């Protein structure tokens, strides 16, 4: 009974709240759980997984459009034979918003491009590389206060690695997906 009363109180507070303005700058900090697919480059058929953290700075142009600069760091991906990969990315993103319910719920989709850098330890040999990256993002923002939003979403990165073995150049089309949550503070 107490849970039902608490739920009704929460819903009535949100329903009676004023419409929220969505213009101006914001920052967000969050984390997630990622899967890494290396296109069979390491001879493994399974995906590697790791946790990640992200830091985002952005600005709402209006309630339907924002632009962001994202930094993502991924904890070490490790396959079954002990090879490791550390990844981080920086990208610029354009985000389209569809706010509903007095602008308190925000469905969004985004497209971004940038760069990624990684360091690998493969069979005790350490190497570093980088690549251009494009990403797609879908999610929902739940605005708790005028200045505070909880975002839940899924982001997918696409990138390539060209690997030279003697006279053969092989291109690997790799993907990284991340389910994430972040807290956004709007100024």
C-alpha atoms as a PDB file:
ATOM      1  CA  UNK A   1       0.000   0.000   0.000  1.00  0.00           C
ATOM      2  CA  UNK A   2       2.859   2.397   0.827  1.00  0.00           C
ATOM      3  CA  UNK A   3       4.478   1.714  -2.554  1.00  0.00           C
ATOM      4  CA  UNK A   4       1.227   2.484  -4.363  1.00  0.00           C
ATOM      5  CA  UNK A   5       0.817   5.761  -2.461  1.00  0.00           C
ATOM      6  CA  UNK A   6       4.412   6.714  -3.209  1.00  0.00           C
ATOM      7  CA  UNK A   7       3.897   5.943  -6.908  1.00  0.00           C
ATOM      8  CA  UNK A   8       0.682   8.020  -7.003  1.00  0.00           C
ATOM      9  CA  UNK A   9       2.413  10.917  -5.245  1.00  0.00           C
ATOM     10  CA  UNK A  10       5.313  10.798  -7.713  1.00  0.00           C
ATOM     11  CA  UNK A  11       2.995  10.685 -10.748  1.00  0.00           C
ATOM     12  CA  UNK A  12       0.823  13.531  -9.468  1.00  0.00           C
ATOM     13  CA  UNK A  13       3.931  15.663  -8.831  1.00  0.00           C
ATOM     14  CA  UNK A  14       5.205  15.068 -12.358  1.00  0.00           C
ATOM     15  CA  UNK A  15       1.779  15.726 -13.897  1.00  0.00           C
ATOM     16  CA  UNK A  16       1.369  19.041 -12.111  1.00  0.00           C
ATOM     17  CA  UNK A  17       4.893  20.242 -12.876  1.00  0.00           C
ATOM     18  CA  UNK A  18       5.525  23.142 -15.203  1.00  0.00           C
ATOM     19  CA  UNK A  19       6.737  22.734 -18.768  1.00  0.00           C
ATOM     20  CA  UNK A  20      10.546  22.628 -18.797  1.00  0.00           C
ATOM     21  CA  UNK A  21      12.695  24.770 -21.064  1.00  0.00           C
ATOM     22  CA  UNK A  22      15.215  22.866 -23.198  1.00  0.00           C
ATOM     23  CA  UNK A  23      17.775  25.423 -24.318  1.00  0.00           C
ATOM     24  CA  UNK A  24      21.318  26.065 -23.174  1.00  0.00           C
ATOM     25  CA  UNK A  25      24.412  24.071 -22.212  1.00  0.00           C
ATOM     26  CA  UNK A  26      24.659  20.831 -20.259  1.00  0.00           C
ATOM     27  CA  UNK A  27      27.193  18.291 -19.032  1.00  0.00           C
ATOM     28  CA  UNK A  28      26.678  14.580 -18.406  1.00  0.00           C
ATOM     29  CA  UNK A  29      28.627  11.840 -16.664  1.00  0.00           C
ATOM     30  CA  UNK A  30      27.787   8.162 -16.824  1.00  0.00           C
ATOM     31  CA  UNK A  31      28.802   4.626 -17.508  1.00  0.00           C
ATOM     32  CA  UNK A  32      27.752   1.494 -19.262  1.00  0.00           C
ATOM     33  CA  UNK A  33      28.465  -2.034 -20.361  1.00  0.00           C
ATOM     34  CA  UNK A  34      30.033  -2.596 -23.770  1.00  0.00           C
ATOM     35  CA  UNK A  35      30.544  -5.436 -26.232  1.00  0.00           C
ATOM     36  CA  UNK A  36      33.380  -5.440 -28.775  1.00  0.00           C
ATOM     37  CA  UNK A  37      33.283  -7.358 -32.069  1.00  0.00           C
ATOM     38  CA  UNK A  38      36.658  -7.488 -33.847  1.00  0.00           C
ATOM     39  CA  UNK A  39      35.508  -9.140 -37.115  1.00  0.00           C
ATOM     40  CA  UNK A  40      37.441 -12.350 -36.337  1.00  0.00           C
ATOM     41  CA  UNK A  41      40.788 -10.548 -36.316  1.00  0.00           C
ATOM     42  CA  UNK A  42      41.977 -12.370 -33.192  1.00  0.00           C
ATOM     43  CA  UNK A  43      40.486 -15.685 -34.303  1.00  0.00           C
ATOM     44  CA  UNK A  44      37.828 -15.611 -31.578  1.00  0.00           C
ATOM     45  CA  UNK A  45      34.173 -16.177 -32.394  1.00  0.00           C
ATOM     46  CA  UNK A  46      32.799 -14.600 -29.227  1.00  0.00           C
ATOM     47  CA  UNK A  47      32.399 -10.964 -28.248  1.00  0.00           C
ATOM     48  CA  UNK A  48      34.558  -9.336 -25.590  1.00  0.00           C
ATOM     49  CA  UNK A  49      32.850  -7.237 -22.910  1.00  0.00           C
ATOM     50  CA  UNK A  50      33.929  -4.385 -20.614  1.00  0.00           C
ATOM     51  CA  UNK A  51      32.566  -1.490 -18.601  1.00  0.00           C
ATOM     52  CA  UNK A  52      32.890   2.083 -19.784  1.00  0.00           C
ATOM     53  CA  UNK A  53      32.633   5.645 -18.507  1.00  0.00           C
ATOM     54  CA  UNK A  54      31.618   8.677 -20.548  1.00  0.00           C
ATOM     55  CA  UNK A  55      31.818  12.433 -20.172  1.00  0.00           C
ATOM     56  CA  UNK A  56      29.649  14.642 -22.363  1.00  0.00           C
ATOM     57  CA  UNK A  57      29.437  18.390 -22.904  1.00  0.00           C
ATOM     58  CA  UNK A  58      26.632  19.717 -25.057  1.00  0.00           C
ATOM     59  CA  UNK A  59      24.209  22.482 -25.816  1.00  0.00           C
ATOM     60  CA  UNK A  60      20.496  22.415 -26.642  1.00  0.00           C
ATOM     61  CA  UNK A  61      19.949  24.571 -29.727  1.00  0.00           C
ATOM     62  CA  UNK A  62      16.209  24.174 -29.206  1.00  0.00           C
ATOM     63  CA  UNK A  63      14.047  21.459 -27.661  1.00  0.00           C
ATOM     64  CA  UNK A  64      14.415  19.291 -30.796  1.00  0.00           C
ATOM     65  CA  UNK A  65      18.161  19.546 -31.492  1.00  0.00           C
ATOM     66  CA  UNK A  66      21.407  19.478 -29.516  1.00  0.00           C
ATOM     67  CA  UNK A  67      25.098  19.026 -30.308  1.00  0.00           C
ATOM     68  CA  UNK A  68      27.606  17.241 -28.075  1.00  0.00           C
ATOM     69  CA  UNK A  69      31.271  16.491 -27.618  1.00  0.00           C
ATOM     70  CA  UNK A  70      31.712  12.993 -26.097  1.00  0.00           C
ATOM     71  CA  UNK A  71      34.645  11.279 -24.431  1.00  0.00           C
ATOM     72  CA  UNK A  72      34.299   7.526 -23.805  1.00  0.00           C
ATOM     73  CA  UNK A  73      36.815   5.320 -22.014  1.00  0.00           C
ATOM     74  CA  UNK A  74      36.436   1.535 -22.054  1.00  0.00           C
ATOM     75  CA  UNK A  75      37.929  -0.704 -19.396  1.00  0.00           C
ATOM     76  CA  UNK A  76      40.102  -3.538 -20.697  1.00  0.00           C
ATOM     77  CA  UNK A  77      38.490  -5.954 -23.140  1.00  0.00           C
ATOM     78  CA  UNK A  78      40.002  -9.408 -22.621  1.00  0.00           C
ATOM     79  CA  UNK A  79      39.497 -12.494 -24.770  1.00  0.00           C
ATOM     80  CA  UNK A  80      39.755 -16.137 -23.687  1.00  0.00           C
ATOM     81  CA  UNK A  81      43.482 -16.474 -24.428  1.00  0.00           C
ATOM     82  CA  UNK A  82      44.394 -13.382 -22.384  1.00  0.00           C
ATOM     83  CA  UNK A  83      44.879 -10.799 -25.151  1.00  0.00           C
ATOM     84  CA  UNK A  84      43.723  -7.333 -24.039  1.00  0.00           C
ATOM     85  CA  UNK A  85      42.463  -4.170 -25.744  1.00  0.00           C
ATOM     86  CA  UNK A  86      42.064  -0.717 -24.133  1.00  0.00           C
ATOM     87  CA  UNK A  87      39.926   1.789 -26.065  1.00  0.00           C
ATOM     88  CA  UNK A  88      38.988   5.442 -25.775  1.00  0.00           C
ATOM     89  CA  UNK A  89      37.103   7.740 -28.170  1.00  0.00           C
ATOM     90  CA  UNK A  90      36.346  11.404 -28.764  1.00  0.00           C
ATOM     91  CA  UNK A  91      33.491  12.368 -31.076  1.00  0.00           C
ATOM     92  CA  UNK A  92      31.130  15.171 -32.034  1.00  0.00           C
ATOM     93  CA  UNK A  93      27.444  14.240 -32.112  1.00  0.00           C
ATOM     94  CA  UNK A  94      24.217  15.779 -33.421  1.00  0.00           C
ATOM     95  CA  UNK A  95      21.203  14.648 -31.409  1.00  0.00           C
ATOM     96  CA  UNK A  96      17.535  14.892 -32.457  1.00  0.00           C
ATOM     97  CA  UNK A  97      15.019  15.022 -29.577  1.00  0.00           C
ATOM     98  CA  UNK A  98      11.323  14.266 -29.344  1.00  0.00           C
ATOM     99  CA  UNK A  99      10.157  15.589 -25.944  1.00  0.00           C
ATOM    100  CA  UNK A 100       6.779  14.519 -24.566  1.00  0.00           C
ATOM    101  CA  UNK A 101       4.783  14.890 -21.344  1.00  0.00           C
ATOM    102  CA  UNK A 102       5.610  18.547 -20.560  1.00  0.00           C
ATOM    103  CA  UNK A 103       9.146  17.981 -21.874  1.00  0.00           C
ATOM    104  CA  UNK A 104       9.857  15.573 -18.991  1.00  0.00           C
ATOM    105  CA  UNK A 105      10.369  12.493 -21.201  1.00  0.00           C
ATOM    106  CA  UNK A 106      12.749  12.893 -24.120  1.00  0.00           C
ATOM    107  CA  UNK A 107      13.169  10.255 -26.823  1.00  0.00           C
ATOM    108  CA  UNK A 108      16.340  10.850 -28.826  1.00  0.00           C
ATOM    109  CA  UNK A 109      18.479   9.577 -31.648  1.00  0.00           C
ATOM    110  CA  UNK A 110      21.983  10.731 -32.522  1.00  0.00           C
ATOM    111  CA  UNK A 111      24.660  10.420 -35.162  1.00  0.00           C
ATOM    112  CA  UNK A 112      28.314  11.172 -34.490  1.00  0.00           C
ATOM    113  CA  UNK A 113      31.811  10.983 -35.907  1.00  0.00           C
ATOM    114  CA  UNK A 114      35.248  11.249 -34.388  1.00  0.00           C
ATOM    115  CA  UNK A 115      38.374   9.319 -33.550  1.00  0.00           C
ATOM    116  CA  UNK A 116      39.269   6.311 -31.465  1.00  0.00           C
ATOM    117  CA  UNK A 117      42.550   5.112 -30.057  1.00  0.00           C
ATOM    118  CA  UNK A 118      43.409   1.704 -28.685  1.00  0.00           C
ATOM    119  CA  UNK A 119      46.291  -0.202 -27.199  1.00  0.00           C
ATOM    120  CA  UNK A 120      46.514  -3.963 -27.546  1.00  0.00           C
ATOM    121  CA  UNK A 121      48.596  -6.662 -25.931  1.00  0.00           C
ATOM    122  CA  UNK A 122      48.483  -9.623 -28.314  1.00  0.00           C
ATOM    123  CA  UNK A 123      50.597 -12.676 -27.546  1.00  0.00           C
ATOM    124  CA  UNK A 124      52.776 -10.488 -25.265  1.00  0.00           C
ATOM    125  CA  UNK A 125      53.348  -7.934 -28.077  1.00  0.00           C
ATOM    126  CA  UNK A 126      52.076  -4.422 -27.326  1.00  0.00           C
ATOM    127  CA  UNK A 127      50.860  -2.195 -30.166  1.00  0.00           C
ATOM    128  CA  UNK A 128      48.826   0.989 -30.516  1.00  0.00           C
ATOM    129  CA  UNK A 129      46.566   2.167 -33.336  1.00  0.00           C
ATOM    130  CA  UNK A 130      43.787   4.625 -34.132  1.00  0.00           C
ATOM    131  CA  UNK A 131      40.850   4.914 -36.481  1.00  0.00           C
ATOM    132  CA  UNK A 132      38.031   7.178 -37.520  1.00  0.00           C
ATOM    133  CA  UNK A 133      34.711   6.186 -36.000  1.00  0.00           C
ATOM    134  CA  UNK A 134      31.022   6.811 -36.711  1.00  0.00           C
ATOM    135  CA  UNK A 135      28.263   6.120 -34.223  1.00  0.00           C
ATOM    136  CA  UNK A 136      24.507   5.856 -33.846  1.00  0.00           C
ATOM    137  CA  UNK A 137      22.626   6.328 -30.603  1.00  0.00           C
ATOM    138  CA  UNK A 138      19.045   5.724 -29.381  1.00  0.00           C
ATOM    139  CA  UNK A 139      17.714   6.485 -25.925  1.00  0.00           C
ATOM    140  CA  UNK A 140      15.289   8.139 -23.567  1.00  0.00           C
ATOM    141  CA  UNK A 141      15.849  10.951 -21.092  1.00  0.00           C
ATOM    142  CA  UNK A 142      13.787  11.174 -17.900  1.00  0.00           C
ATOM    143  CA  UNK A 143      13.872  14.723 -16.530  1.00  0.00           C
ATOM    144  CA  UNK A 144      13.526  14.602 -12.738  1.00  0.00           C
ATOM    145  CA  UNK A 145      14.111  18.318 -12.085  1.00  0.00           C
ATOM    146  CA  UNK A 146      14.318  21.423 -14.225  1.00  0.00           C
ATOM    147  CA  UNK A 147      18.111  20.975 -14.395  1.00  0.00           C
ATOM    148  CA  UNK A 148      18.564  17.195 -13.892  1.00  0.00           C
ATOM    149  CA  UNK A 149      17.968  14.345 -16.372  1.00  0.00           C
ATOM    150  CA  UNK A 150      18.647  10.597 -16.287  1.00  0.00           C
ATOM    151  CA  UNK A 151      19.481   9.273 -19.775  1.00  0.00           C
ATOM    152  CA  UNK A 152      19.261   5.578 -20.685  1.00  0.00           C
ATOM    153  CA  UNK A 153      20.381   4.452 -24.109  1.00  0.00           C
ATOM    154  CA  UNK A 154      22.326   2.300 -26.522  1.00  0.00           C
ATOM    155  CA  UNK A 155      25.243   3.550 -28.647  1.00  0.00           C
ATOM    156  CA  UNK A 156      26.879   1.626 -31.506  1.00  0.00           C
ATOM    157  CA  UNK A 157      30.296   2.507 -32.971  1.00  0.00           C
ATOM    158  CA  UNK A 158      31.590   1.396 -36.383  1.00  0.00           C
ATOM    159  CA  UNK A 159      35.280   1.575 -37.326  1.00  0.00           C
ATOM    160  CA  UNK A 160      37.931  -0.220 -39.394  1.00  0.00           C
ATOM    161  CA  UNK A 161      41.439  -1.484 -38.853  1.00  0.00           C
ATOM    162  CA  UNK A 162      43.831  -2.092 -41.736  1.00  0.00           C
ATOM    163  CA  UNK A 163      46.342  -4.769 -40.777  1.00  0.00           C
ATOM    164  CA  UNK A 164      49.459  -5.404 -42.867  1.00  0.00           C
ATOM    165  CA  UNK A 165      50.878  -8.978 -42.896  1.00  0.00           C
ATOM    166  CA  UNK A 166      53.875  -9.213 -45.227  1.00  0.00           C
ATOM    167  CA  UNK A 167      52.392  -8.414 -48.667  1.00  0.00           C
ATOM    168  CA  UNK A 168      48.726  -8.733 -47.663  1.00  0.00           C
ATOM    169  CA  UNK A 169      46.576  -5.850 -46.427  1.00  0.00           C
ATOM    170  CA  UNK A 170      43.483  -6.984 -44.537  1.00  0.00           C
ATOM    171  CA  UNK A 171      40.663  -4.628 -43.542  1.00  0.00           C
ATOM    172  CA  UNK A 172      38.646  -5.517 -40.452  1.00  0.00           C
ATOM    173  CA  UNK A 173      35.221  -3.935 -39.969  1.00  0.00           C
ATOM    174  CA  UNK A 174      34.789  -3.726 -36.224  1.00  0.00           C
ATOM    175  CA  UNK A 175      31.897  -2.685 -33.995  1.00  0.00           C
ATOM    176  CA  UNK A 176      31.485  -1.688 -30.393  1.00  0.00           C
ATOM    177  CA  UNK A 177      28.092  -1.381 -28.692  1.00  0.00           C
ATOM    178  CA  UNK A 178      27.388   0.174 -25.295  1.00  0.00           C
ATOM    179  CA  UNK A 179      24.272   0.168 -23.133  1.00  0.00           C
ATOM    180  CA  UNK A 180      24.616   3.188 -20.855  1.00  0.00           C
ATOM    181  CA  UNK A 181      23.082   5.440 -18.224  1.00  0.00           C
ATOM    182  CA  UNK A 182      24.206   8.983 -17.466  1.00  0.00           C
ATOM    183  CA  UNK A 183      23.190  11.915 -15.322  1.00  0.00           C
ATOM    184  CA  UNK A 184      22.824  15.182 -17.224  1.00  0.00           C
ATOM    185  CA  UNK A 185      22.929  18.607 -15.577  1.00  0.00           C
ATOM    186  CA  UNK A 186      21.599  21.536 -17.605  1.00  0.00           C
ATOM    187  CA  UNK A 187      22.682  25.127 -16.891  1.00  0.00           C
END
